[in-house]
Amino acid sequence: MRRIVLASGRGLDDPDYIQGSGGIRDAALDSEAAVRDSGLEWTISRPGWFAQTFTEGIYAGAVRAGELRLPAGDGAASFLDADDVAAVVVTALTEDGHTGQTYELSGPNAVTLTEVAATLSEATGRTIRFVPLSRREYVAELVKQGVPATDAEALANVAESLRLAKDAHVSDGVQRALGRPPRTFAEAIQGVQPFTA
C-alpha cells in the first residue's frame, strides 16, 4: 500500500466545535497525525454535515414523522452530499495530485433547518416542519423516548453546532479535489422516495 485517505471531520481546528465531545476531537487529531506520519502518500478529507442525515441518518425518523424537533434555532449549515465525499475519497485514492492535501468539504451554501424542511417537503410530497426547541426541551423529549440522559445530552451537543452555525461556512474542498462544485442540498436528496408513516 502506498496511498491512504482518512475520512476525518470538520471543526477539528475549533476546540469548542462540540462541547463535551468525550475525546472525539482528540482522537480525530491523533488519527490525522498518524496518517501524516505514516510514510505513505496521504490525503485527509474533513466533511461537514451530510445532507443524507435527514433521509437515512440520525434525523430520518423525525422527517418520517413530519417534524424536525431540534435545538438548532435559526442556525444554518452547508450540508454536504455524501456522494461528493465518496467521490473525493475515491479520486484521492486513485488519481495523482492529492498527496499532502487536507480537503475541507461542504455543500455550496448554508441552509437553515426551516429551508431543509421545505426542501424535504418538496422532495417527498409530504409536509415536514422544523420545530425549534430549547436544549432542555430537546433533552427531555429524548429521555421520554427512552434515550439515556447522557446520550440525550451528547445529541444536544451535536445539535448545538447547528444552532451556533459552526458549519455555515463554505469550503472549497470538493471543487479543489474534483474540479466541480459540490451538489446542493436539494440535489443531494433528489430521488428520495416519499416516506411512509
N, C-alpha and C. Protein backbone atom coordinates (compact mmCIF):
# COMPACT_ATOMS: atom_id res chain seq x y z
N MET A 1 0.85 -1.17 0.00
CA MET A 1 0.00 0.00 0.00
C MET A 1 0.89 1.24 0.00
N ARG A 2 0.58 2.17 -0.89
CA ARG A 2 1.39 3.40 -0.93
C ARG A 2 0.57 4.66 -0.70
N ARG A 3 -0.75 4.53 -0.70
CA ARG A 3 -1.60 5.72 -0.62
C ARG A 3 -2.72 5.48 0.38
N ILE A 4 -3.01 6.50 1.19
CA ILE A 4 -4.06 6.37 2.20
C ILE A 4 -4.87 7.66 2.24
N VAL A 5 -6.19 7.51 2.46
CA VAL A 5 -7.08 8.66 2.61
C VAL A 5 -7.84 8.48 3.92
N LEU A 6 -7.79 9.49 4.75
CA LEU A 6 -8.52 9.47 6.02
C LEU A 6 -9.78 10.30 5.89
N ALA A 7 -10.90 9.71 6.26
CA ALA A 7 -12.15 10.46 6.37
C ALA A 7 -12.23 10.96 7.81
N SER A 8 -11.89 12.21 8.00
CA SER A 8 -11.85 12.81 9.33
C SER A 8 -13.14 13.58 9.57
N GLY A 9 -13.07 14.76 10.11
CA GLY A 9 -14.28 15.53 10.37
C GLY A 9 -14.02 17.02 10.40
N ARG A 10 -15.01 17.77 10.05
CA ARG A 10 -14.92 19.22 10.04
C ARG A 10 -14.95 19.73 11.48
N GLY A 11 -14.38 20.88 11.69
CA GLY A 11 -14.43 21.51 13.00
C GLY A 11 -13.27 21.17 13.92
N LEU A 12 -12.30 20.41 13.43
CA LEU A 12 -11.20 19.98 14.30
C LEU A 12 -10.30 21.14 14.72
N ASP A 13 -10.32 22.22 13.95
CA ASP A 13 -9.49 23.37 14.30
C ASP A 13 -10.13 24.24 15.38
N ASP A 14 -11.36 23.90 15.76
CA ASP A 14 -12.11 24.67 16.76
C ASP A 14 -12.32 23.79 17.99
N PRO A 15 -11.59 24.04 19.08
CA PRO A 15 -11.75 23.19 20.27
C PRO A 15 -13.13 23.27 20.89
N ASP A 16 -13.91 24.29 20.54
CA ASP A 16 -15.26 24.44 21.07
C ASP A 16 -16.34 24.01 20.08
N TYR A 17 -15.93 23.32 19.02
CA TYR A 17 -16.89 22.93 17.97
C TYR A 17 -18.05 22.13 18.55
N ILE A 18 -17.74 21.08 19.30
CA ILE A 18 -18.77 20.31 20.00
C ILE A 18 -18.37 20.23 21.46
N GLN A 19 -19.21 20.77 22.32
CA GLN A 19 -18.96 20.72 23.75
C GLN A 19 -19.10 19.27 24.23
N GLY A 20 -18.28 18.88 25.18
CA GLY A 20 -18.41 17.55 25.77
C GLY A 20 -18.31 16.44 24.76
N SER A 21 -17.34 16.53 23.85
CA SER A 21 -17.25 15.54 22.77
C SER A 21 -16.66 14.21 23.24
N GLY A 22 -16.30 14.11 24.51
CA GLY A 22 -15.81 12.84 25.05
C GLY A 22 -14.51 12.38 24.43
N GLY A 23 -13.67 13.32 24.03
CA GLY A 23 -12.37 12.95 23.47
C GLY A 23 -12.38 12.65 21.99
N ILE A 24 -13.54 12.82 21.33
CA ILE A 24 -13.63 12.51 19.90
C ILE A 24 -12.70 13.42 19.10
N ARG A 25 -12.65 14.71 19.44
CA ARG A 25 -11.78 15.64 18.72
C ARG A 25 -10.32 15.23 18.86
N ASP A 26 -9.90 14.90 20.09
CA ASP A 26 -8.51 14.49 20.31
C ASP A 26 -8.17 13.23 19.52
N ALA A 27 -9.10 12.29 19.50
CA ALA A 27 -8.87 11.05 18.75
C ALA A 27 -8.74 11.33 17.25
N ALA A 28 -9.58 12.23 16.74
CA ALA A 28 -9.52 12.57 15.31
C ALA A 28 -8.20 13.27 14.97
N LEU A 29 -7.77 14.18 15.85
CA LEU A 29 -6.49 14.85 15.63
C LEU A 29 -5.33 13.86 15.67
N ASP A 30 -5.40 12.88 16.60
CA ASP A 30 -4.37 11.83 16.65
C ASP A 30 -4.37 11.01 15.37
N SER A 31 -5.55 10.70 14.85
CA SER A 31 -5.65 9.93 13.61
C SER A 31 -5.03 10.70 12.45
N GLU A 32 -5.31 12.00 12.38
CA GLU A 32 -4.72 12.81 11.32
C GLU A 32 -3.19 12.84 11.43
N ALA A 33 -2.69 12.98 12.64
CA ALA A 33 -1.23 12.99 12.84
C ALA A 33 -0.62 11.66 12.42
N ALA A 34 -1.29 10.56 12.75
CA ALA A 34 -0.78 9.23 12.38
C ALA A 34 -0.72 9.07 10.86
N VAL A 35 -1.74 9.57 10.17
CA VAL A 35 -1.76 9.49 8.71
C VAL A 35 -0.62 10.31 8.12
N ARG A 36 -0.45 11.53 8.63
CA ARG A 36 0.62 12.40 8.11
C ARG A 36 2.01 11.79 8.35
N ASP A 37 2.14 11.07 9.47
CA ASP A 37 3.43 10.48 9.83
C ASP A 37 3.61 9.05 9.31
N SER A 38 2.70 8.56 8.50
CA SER A 38 2.69 7.16 8.09
C SER A 38 3.79 6.80 7.09
N GLY A 39 4.32 7.79 6.41
CA GLY A 39 5.27 7.49 5.35
C GLY A 39 4.61 7.17 4.03
N LEU A 40 3.27 7.16 4.01
CA LEU A 40 2.51 6.88 2.79
C LEU A 40 2.12 8.19 2.11
N GLU A 41 1.64 8.10 0.88
CA GLU A 41 1.04 9.25 0.22
C GLU A 41 -0.33 9.44 0.87
N TRP A 42 -0.51 10.54 1.58
CA TRP A 42 -1.74 10.69 2.36
C TRP A 42 -2.58 11.88 1.88
N THR A 43 -3.88 11.73 2.11
CA THR A 43 -4.84 12.81 1.90
C THR A 43 -5.84 12.72 3.04
N ILE A 44 -6.29 13.86 3.51
CA ILE A 44 -7.30 13.90 4.58
C ILE A 44 -8.53 14.63 4.06
N SER A 45 -9.69 14.02 4.25
CA SER A 45 -10.95 14.70 3.94
C SER A 45 -11.63 15.04 5.26
N ARG A 46 -12.17 16.25 5.34
CA ARG A 46 -12.86 16.71 6.53
C ARG A 46 -14.28 17.14 6.16
N PRO A 47 -15.18 16.19 6.04
CA PRO A 47 -16.56 16.54 5.66
C PRO A 47 -17.34 17.16 6.82
N GLY A 48 -18.28 18.03 6.45
CA GLY A 48 -19.22 18.59 7.42
C GLY A 48 -20.46 17.72 7.51
N TRP A 49 -21.59 18.36 7.81
CA TRP A 49 -22.87 17.66 7.95
C TRP A 49 -23.31 17.07 6.62
N PHE A 50 -23.70 15.80 6.62
CA PHE A 50 -24.22 15.15 5.41
C PHE A 50 -25.69 15.53 5.21
N ALA A 51 -26.06 15.82 3.97
CA ALA A 51 -27.47 16.04 3.64
C ALA A 51 -28.29 14.79 3.96
N GLN A 52 -27.70 13.63 3.77
CA GLN A 52 -28.41 12.37 3.98
C GLN A 52 -28.73 12.10 5.46
N THR A 53 -28.22 12.94 6.35
CA THR A 53 -28.58 12.83 7.77
C THR A 53 -30.10 12.86 7.94
N PHE A 54 -30.79 13.54 7.01
CA PHE A 54 -32.23 13.72 7.11
C PHE A 54 -33.01 12.65 6.35
N THR A 55 -32.35 11.90 5.48
CA THR A 55 -33.07 10.91 4.68
C THR A 55 -32.75 9.47 5.07
N GLU A 56 -31.56 9.27 5.65
CA GLU A 56 -31.21 7.91 6.04
C GLU A 56 -30.36 7.87 7.30
N GLY A 57 -30.15 9.01 7.90
CA GLY A 57 -29.31 9.09 9.09
C GLY A 57 -30.11 9.37 10.35
N ILE A 58 -29.46 10.04 11.27
CA ILE A 58 -29.99 10.22 12.62
C ILE A 58 -31.34 10.93 12.66
N TYR A 59 -31.61 11.82 11.71
CA TYR A 59 -32.86 12.58 11.75
C TYR A 59 -33.92 12.06 10.78
N ALA A 60 -33.68 10.92 10.14
CA ALA A 60 -34.64 10.38 9.18
C ALA A 60 -35.97 10.03 9.85
N GLY A 61 -35.92 9.50 11.07
CA GLY A 61 -37.16 9.18 11.78
C GLY A 61 -38.01 10.41 12.03
N ALA A 62 -37.36 11.51 12.39
CA ALA A 62 -38.08 12.77 12.62
C ALA A 62 -38.71 13.27 11.32
N VAL A 63 -37.98 13.13 10.22
CA VAL A 63 -38.51 13.54 8.93
C VAL A 63 -39.72 12.68 8.58
N ARG A 64 -39.63 11.37 8.80
CA ARG A 64 -40.78 10.49 8.52
C ARG A 64 -41.98 10.87 9.37
N ALA A 65 -41.73 11.33 10.60
CA ALA A 65 -42.82 11.74 11.49
C ALA A 65 -43.38 13.12 11.11
N GLY A 66 -42.67 13.83 10.24
CA GLY A 66 -43.17 15.12 9.76
C GLY A 66 -42.68 16.33 10.53
N GLU A 67 -41.83 16.12 11.54
CA GLU A 67 -41.33 17.24 12.33
C GLU A 67 -39.87 17.04 12.71
N LEU A 68 -39.07 18.02 12.34
CA LEU A 68 -37.68 18.08 12.80
C LEU A 68 -37.69 18.91 14.07
N ARG A 69 -37.61 18.26 15.21
CA ARG A 69 -37.68 18.93 16.51
C ARG A 69 -36.27 18.97 17.09
N LEU A 70 -35.61 20.11 16.91
CA LEU A 70 -34.20 20.22 17.29
C LEU A 70 -33.91 21.58 17.93
N PRO A 71 -32.91 21.61 18.79
CA PRO A 71 -32.49 22.89 19.39
C PRO A 71 -31.48 23.61 18.50
N ALA A 72 -31.90 23.91 17.27
CA ALA A 72 -30.98 24.49 16.29
C ALA A 72 -31.28 25.95 15.98
N GLY A 73 -32.40 26.47 16.46
CA GLY A 73 -32.73 27.87 16.22
C GLY A 73 -32.69 28.23 14.75
N ASP A 74 -32.14 29.40 14.47
CA ASP A 74 -32.03 29.89 13.09
C ASP A 74 -30.68 29.55 12.47
N GLY A 75 -29.92 28.69 13.15
CA GLY A 75 -28.61 28.32 12.64
C GLY A 75 -28.68 27.63 11.30
N ALA A 76 -27.60 27.70 10.57
CA ALA A 76 -27.53 27.10 9.24
C ALA A 76 -26.27 26.26 9.12
N ALA A 77 -26.28 25.36 8.15
CA ALA A 77 -25.10 24.55 7.85
C ALA A 77 -25.00 24.37 6.34
N SER A 78 -23.79 24.20 5.85
CA SER A 78 -23.57 23.95 4.42
C SER A 78 -23.57 22.43 4.21
N PHE A 79 -24.79 21.85 4.29
CA PHE A 79 -24.95 20.40 4.20
C PHE A 79 -24.34 19.86 2.91
N LEU A 80 -23.69 18.70 3.04
CA LEU A 80 -22.86 18.12 2.00
C LEU A 80 -23.44 16.79 1.54
N ASP A 81 -23.40 16.55 0.25
CA ASP A 81 -23.84 15.28 -0.30
C ASP A 81 -22.80 14.19 0.03
N ALA A 82 -23.24 13.12 0.65
CA ALA A 82 -22.32 12.03 0.99
C ALA A 82 -21.67 11.44 -0.27
N ASP A 83 -22.36 11.52 -1.41
CA ASP A 83 -21.76 11.05 -2.66
C ASP A 83 -20.57 11.91 -3.07
N ASP A 84 -20.60 13.21 -2.73
CA ASP A 84 -19.44 14.06 -3.00
C ASP A 84 -18.26 13.64 -2.14
N VAL A 85 -18.54 13.27 -0.89
CA VAL A 85 -17.47 12.80 -0.01
C VAL A 85 -16.84 11.54 -0.61
N ALA A 86 -17.68 10.60 -1.02
CA ALA A 86 -17.18 9.36 -1.61
C ALA A 86 -16.35 9.64 -2.87
N ALA A 87 -16.82 10.59 -3.68
CA ALA A 87 -16.09 10.91 -4.91
C ALA A 87 -14.72 11.51 -4.60
N VAL A 88 -14.64 12.35 -3.57
CA VAL A 88 -13.35 12.92 -3.18
C VAL A 88 -12.40 11.83 -2.71
N VAL A 89 -12.90 10.92 -1.88
CA VAL A 89 -12.06 9.84 -1.35
C VAL A 89 -11.56 8.94 -2.48
N VAL A 90 -12.46 8.54 -3.37
CA VAL A 90 -12.07 7.67 -4.49
C VAL A 90 -11.04 8.38 -5.38
N THR A 91 -11.29 9.64 -5.68
CA THR A 91 -10.37 10.40 -6.52
C THR A 91 -8.99 10.49 -5.86
N ALA A 92 -8.97 10.78 -4.56
CA ALA A 92 -7.68 10.90 -3.85
C ALA A 92 -6.94 9.57 -3.81
N LEU A 93 -7.68 8.47 -3.76
CA LEU A 93 -7.05 7.15 -3.74
C LEU A 93 -6.55 6.70 -5.11
N THR A 94 -7.24 7.10 -6.16
CA THR A 94 -6.97 6.52 -7.47
C THR A 94 -6.27 7.46 -8.45
N GLU A 95 -6.16 8.75 -8.10
CA GLU A 95 -5.55 9.69 -9.02
C GLU A 95 -4.38 10.40 -8.35
N ASP A 96 -3.43 10.82 -9.15
CA ASP A 96 -2.29 11.59 -8.65
C ASP A 96 -2.72 13.03 -8.37
N GLY A 97 -1.91 13.72 -7.58
CA GLY A 97 -2.12 15.14 -7.37
C GLY A 97 -2.83 15.50 -6.07
N HIS A 98 -3.09 14.52 -5.22
CA HIS A 98 -3.82 14.80 -3.98
C HIS A 98 -2.97 14.55 -2.72
N THR A 99 -1.74 14.11 -2.91
CA THR A 99 -0.88 13.80 -1.77
C THR A 99 -0.60 15.05 -0.95
N GLY A 100 -0.74 14.92 0.36
CA GLY A 100 -0.46 16.02 1.26
C GLY A 100 -1.57 17.05 1.36
N GLN A 101 -2.72 16.75 0.79
CA GLN A 101 -3.84 17.69 0.81
C GLN A 101 -4.80 17.38 1.96
N THR A 102 -5.31 18.42 2.58
CA THR A 102 -6.43 18.30 3.52
C THR A 102 -7.60 19.03 2.88
N TYR A 103 -8.65 18.29 2.57
CA TYR A 103 -9.81 18.86 1.91
C TYR A 103 -10.94 19.08 2.92
N GLU A 104 -11.24 20.34 3.20
CA GLU A 104 -12.41 20.70 3.99
C GLU A 104 -13.60 20.63 3.04
N LEU A 105 -14.59 19.81 3.37
CA LEU A 105 -15.70 19.54 2.46
C LEU A 105 -17.01 20.13 2.97
N SER A 106 -17.72 20.79 2.10
CA SER A 106 -19.03 21.34 2.44
C SER A 106 -19.89 21.37 1.18
N GLY A 107 -21.15 21.67 1.39
CA GLY A 107 -22.02 21.95 0.26
C GLY A 107 -21.74 23.37 -0.24
N PRO A 108 -22.47 23.82 -1.29
CA PRO A 108 -22.17 25.11 -1.90
C PRO A 108 -22.74 26.32 -1.17
N ASN A 109 -23.65 26.08 -0.22
CA ASN A 109 -24.26 27.20 0.51
C ASN A 109 -24.85 26.68 1.81
N ALA A 110 -25.02 27.60 2.73
CA ALA A 110 -25.61 27.23 4.03
C ALA A 110 -27.13 27.36 3.96
N VAL A 111 -27.81 26.39 4.58
CA VAL A 111 -29.26 26.43 4.65
C VAL A 111 -29.70 26.21 6.10
N THR A 112 -30.80 26.84 6.47
CA THR A 112 -31.36 26.67 7.80
C THR A 112 -32.21 25.40 7.84
N LEU A 113 -32.59 24.98 9.03
CA LEU A 113 -33.45 23.80 9.12
C LEU A 113 -34.86 24.09 8.61
N THR A 114 -35.29 25.33 8.65
CA THR A 114 -36.57 25.69 8.02
C THR A 114 -36.48 25.44 6.51
N GLU A 115 -35.35 25.82 5.91
CA GLU A 115 -35.14 25.57 4.48
C GLU A 115 -34.98 24.08 4.19
N VAL A 116 -34.31 23.36 5.08
CA VAL A 116 -34.18 21.91 4.94
C VAL A 116 -35.56 21.26 4.92
N ALA A 117 -36.41 21.66 5.88
CA ALA A 117 -37.76 21.08 5.97
C ALA A 117 -38.56 21.38 4.70
N ALA A 118 -38.45 22.59 4.17
CA ALA A 118 -39.18 22.95 2.96
C ALA A 118 -38.69 22.13 1.76
N THR A 119 -37.39 21.94 1.66
CA THR A 119 -36.82 21.16 0.56
C THR A 119 -37.22 19.69 0.67
N LEU A 120 -37.19 19.16 1.89
CA LEU A 120 -37.63 17.78 2.11
C LEU A 120 -39.11 17.61 1.79
N SER A 121 -39.92 18.60 2.15
CA SER A 121 -41.36 18.56 1.84
C SER A 121 -41.58 18.47 0.34
N GLU A 122 -40.85 19.31 -0.39
CA GLU A 122 -40.99 19.31 -1.84
C GLU A 122 -40.52 17.98 -2.45
N ALA A 123 -39.41 17.45 -1.93
CA ALA A 123 -38.85 16.21 -2.48
C ALA A 123 -39.72 14.99 -2.19
N THR A 124 -40.39 14.99 -1.03
CA THR A 124 -41.17 13.81 -0.64
C THR A 124 -42.66 13.95 -0.91
N GLY A 125 -43.12 15.17 -1.17
CA GLY A 125 -44.55 15.38 -1.35
C GLY A 125 -45.32 15.34 -0.04
N ARG A 126 -44.60 15.43 1.08
CA ARG A 126 -45.21 15.43 2.40
C ARG A 126 -44.87 16.73 3.11
N THR A 127 -45.69 17.11 4.07
CA THR A 127 -45.40 18.30 4.85
C THR A 127 -44.45 17.95 5.98
N ILE A 128 -43.31 18.60 5.99
CA ILE A 128 -42.31 18.41 7.03
C ILE A 128 -41.99 19.79 7.60
N ARG A 129 -42.08 19.91 8.91
CA ARG A 129 -41.86 21.19 9.57
C ARG A 129 -40.62 21.12 10.45
N PHE A 130 -39.97 22.26 10.58
CA PHE A 130 -38.93 22.40 11.58
C PHE A 130 -39.54 23.07 12.81
N VAL A 131 -39.40 22.41 13.96
CA VAL A 131 -39.90 22.95 15.22
C VAL A 131 -38.69 23.22 16.12
N PRO A 132 -38.36 24.51 16.30
CA PRO A 132 -37.20 24.82 17.15
C PRO A 132 -37.52 24.56 18.63
N LEU A 133 -36.65 23.85 19.28
CA LEU A 133 -36.80 23.55 20.70
C LEU A 133 -35.65 24.18 21.47
N SER A 134 -35.87 24.36 22.76
CA SER A 134 -34.75 24.72 23.62
C SER A 134 -33.95 23.44 23.87
N ARG A 135 -32.73 23.60 24.33
CA ARG A 135 -31.91 22.44 24.66
C ARG A 135 -32.62 21.58 25.70
N ARG A 136 -33.17 22.20 26.72
CA ARG A 136 -33.85 21.47 27.80
C ARG A 136 -35.04 20.67 27.26
N GLU A 137 -35.84 21.30 26.38
CA GLU A 137 -36.99 20.60 25.80
C GLU A 137 -36.53 19.40 24.97
N TYR A 138 -35.47 19.59 24.20
CA TYR A 138 -34.96 18.52 23.34
C TYR A 138 -34.48 17.33 24.17
N VAL A 139 -33.68 17.60 25.18
CA VAL A 139 -33.17 16.53 26.04
C VAL A 139 -34.33 15.81 26.72
N ALA A 140 -35.30 16.57 27.22
CA ALA A 140 -36.47 15.97 27.89
C ALA A 140 -37.24 15.06 26.94
N GLU A 141 -37.43 15.50 25.69
CA GLU A 141 -38.15 14.67 24.71
C GLU A 141 -37.40 13.37 24.43
N LEU A 142 -36.08 13.46 24.27
CA LEU A 142 -35.30 12.25 24.01
C LEU A 142 -35.36 11.29 25.19
N VAL A 143 -35.23 11.81 26.39
CA VAL A 143 -35.28 10.96 27.58
C VAL A 143 -36.65 10.29 27.67
N LYS A 144 -37.71 11.04 27.36
CA LYS A 144 -39.07 10.47 27.39
C LYS A 144 -39.22 9.34 26.37
N GLN A 145 -38.44 9.42 25.27
CA GLN A 145 -38.47 8.38 24.23
C GLN A 145 -37.59 7.19 24.59
N GLY A 146 -36.91 7.27 25.75
CA GLY A 146 -36.10 6.14 26.20
C GLY A 146 -34.61 6.29 25.96
N VAL A 147 -34.18 7.44 25.47
CA VAL A 147 -32.75 7.68 25.26
C VAL A 147 -32.12 7.98 26.62
N PRO A 148 -31.03 7.31 26.98
CA PRO A 148 -30.36 7.62 28.25
C PRO A 148 -29.97 9.10 28.31
N ALA A 149 -30.05 9.68 29.49
CA ALA A 149 -29.81 11.12 29.67
C ALA A 149 -28.45 11.54 29.13
N THR A 150 -27.41 10.73 29.35
CA THR A 150 -26.08 11.12 28.87
C THR A 150 -26.03 11.14 27.34
N ASP A 151 -26.73 10.19 26.71
CA ASP A 151 -26.78 10.18 25.24
C ASP A 151 -27.61 11.35 24.73
N ALA A 152 -28.70 11.68 25.43
CA ALA A 152 -29.53 12.82 25.04
C ALA A 152 -28.72 14.12 25.10
N GLU A 153 -27.91 14.26 26.14
CA GLU A 153 -27.05 15.45 26.26
C GLU A 153 -26.02 15.49 25.14
N ALA A 154 -25.46 14.34 24.78
CA ALA A 154 -24.49 14.29 23.69
C ALA A 154 -25.13 14.69 22.36
N LEU A 155 -26.36 14.22 22.12
CA LEU A 155 -27.07 14.59 20.89
C LEU A 155 -27.39 16.08 20.88
N ALA A 156 -27.70 16.64 22.05
CA ALA A 156 -27.94 18.08 22.15
C ALA A 156 -26.66 18.85 21.84
N ASN A 157 -25.52 18.32 22.28
CA ASN A 157 -24.25 18.96 21.97
C ASN A 157 -24.00 19.01 20.47
N VAL A 158 -24.34 17.93 19.78
CA VAL A 158 -24.16 17.88 18.33
C VAL A 158 -25.07 18.92 17.67
N ALA A 159 -26.33 18.97 18.09
CA ALA A 159 -27.28 19.93 17.51
C ALA A 159 -26.87 21.36 17.81
N GLU A 160 -26.17 21.55 18.91
CA GLU A 160 -25.71 22.89 19.28
C GLU A 160 -24.82 23.50 18.20
N SER A 161 -24.04 22.66 17.53
CA SER A 161 -23.19 23.19 16.46
C SER A 161 -24.03 23.77 15.33
N LEU A 162 -25.24 23.22 15.12
CA LEU A 162 -26.15 23.80 14.13
C LEU A 162 -26.66 25.15 14.59
N ARG A 163 -27.11 25.24 15.84
CA ARG A 163 -27.64 26.50 16.38
C ARG A 163 -26.61 27.61 16.29
N LEU A 164 -25.36 27.26 16.56
CA LEU A 164 -24.28 28.25 16.54
C LEU A 164 -23.70 28.47 15.14
N ALA A 165 -24.29 27.80 14.14
CA ALA A 165 -23.85 27.93 12.74
C ALA A 165 -22.36 27.64 12.58
N LYS A 166 -21.88 26.64 13.32
CA LYS A 166 -20.46 26.28 13.25
C LYS A 166 -20.08 25.71 11.87
N ASP A 167 -21.07 25.21 11.13
CA ASP A 167 -20.81 24.65 9.81
C ASP A 167 -21.47 25.46 8.69
N ALA A 168 -21.74 26.73 8.95
CA ALA A 168 -22.36 27.56 7.92
C ALA A 168 -21.37 27.96 6.83
N HIS A 169 -20.08 28.00 7.16
CA HIS A 169 -19.09 28.44 6.17
C HIS A 169 -18.96 27.42 5.04
N VAL A 170 -18.65 27.93 3.88
CA VAL A 170 -18.49 27.10 2.69
C VAL A 170 -17.00 26.87 2.45
N SER A 171 -16.64 25.63 2.20
CA SER A 171 -15.25 25.25 1.93
C SER A 171 -15.08 24.91 0.46
N ASP A 172 -13.84 24.93 0.00
CA ASP A 172 -13.58 24.69 -1.42
C ASP A 172 -13.05 23.29 -1.71
N GLY A 173 -13.12 22.37 -0.74
CA GLY A 173 -12.50 21.06 -0.91
C GLY A 173 -13.05 20.23 -2.06
N VAL A 174 -14.37 20.24 -2.25
CA VAL A 174 -14.95 19.45 -3.34
C VAL A 174 -14.47 20.01 -4.68
N GLN A 175 -14.51 21.32 -4.82
CA GLN A 175 -14.05 21.96 -6.06
C GLN A 175 -12.58 21.66 -6.32
N ARG A 176 -11.74 21.76 -5.29
CA ARG A 176 -10.31 21.50 -5.45
C ARG A 176 -10.03 20.05 -5.82
N ALA A 177 -10.73 19.14 -5.18
CA ALA A 177 -10.45 17.71 -5.42
C ALA A 177 -11.06 17.20 -6.72
N LEU A 178 -12.26 17.68 -7.04
CA LEU A 178 -12.99 17.11 -8.17
C LEU A 178 -13.07 18.03 -9.39
N GLY A 179 -12.72 19.30 -9.21
CA GLY A 179 -12.81 20.23 -10.33
C GLY A 179 -14.22 20.60 -10.69
N ARG A 180 -15.13 20.44 -9.75
CA ARG A 180 -16.53 20.83 -9.97
C ARG A 180 -17.11 21.27 -8.63
N PRO A 181 -18.19 22.04 -8.67
CA PRO A 181 -18.78 22.48 -7.40
C PRO A 181 -19.50 21.33 -6.70
N PRO A 182 -19.66 21.43 -5.38
CA PRO A 182 -20.44 20.42 -4.66
C PRO A 182 -21.91 20.51 -5.02
N ARG A 183 -22.60 19.40 -4.81
CA ARG A 183 -24.04 19.37 -5.08
C ARG A 183 -24.79 20.11 -3.97
N THR A 184 -25.89 20.72 -4.32
CA THR A 184 -26.72 21.43 -3.35
C THR A 184 -27.48 20.44 -2.47
N PHE A 185 -28.07 20.93 -1.39
CA PHE A 185 -28.89 20.08 -0.54
C PHE A 185 -30.02 19.45 -1.35
N ALA A 186 -30.68 20.26 -2.17
CA ALA A 186 -31.79 19.74 -2.98
C ALA A 186 -31.32 18.65 -3.93
N GLU A 187 -30.16 18.84 -4.56
CA GLU A 187 -29.62 17.82 -5.46
C GLU A 187 -29.24 16.55 -4.70
N ALA A 188 -28.72 16.72 -3.48
CA ALA A 188 -28.29 15.57 -2.69
C ALA A 188 -29.44 14.66 -2.30
N ILE A 189 -30.61 15.24 -2.08
CA ILE A 189 -31.75 14.41 -1.66
C ILE A 189 -32.69 14.10 -2.81
N GLN A 190 -32.32 14.50 -4.02
CA GLN A 190 -33.14 14.23 -5.19
C GLN A 190 -33.37 12.73 -5.32
N GLY A 191 -34.56 12.34 -5.65
CA GLY A 191 -34.86 10.93 -5.82
C GLY A 191 -35.22 10.22 -4.52
N VAL A 192 -35.30 10.98 -3.42
CA VAL A 192 -35.73 10.38 -2.15
C VAL A 192 -37.15 9.87 -2.32
N GLN A 193 -37.36 8.63 -1.96
CA GLN A 193 -38.71 8.08 -2.04
C GLN A 193 -39.58 8.68 -0.95
N PRO A 194 -40.83 8.97 -1.24
CA PRO A 194 -41.70 9.50 -0.18
C PRO A 194 -41.72 8.55 1.01
N PHE A 195 -41.59 9.13 2.17
CA PHE A 195 -41.61 8.32 3.40
C PHE A 195 -43.02 7.84 3.69
N THR A 196 -43.11 6.65 4.21
CA THR A 196 -44.41 6.15 4.67
C THR A 196 -44.41 6.18 6.19
N ALA A 197 -45.53 6.54 6.74
CA ALA A 197 -45.64 6.66 8.21
C ALA A 197 -45.59 5.31 8.87
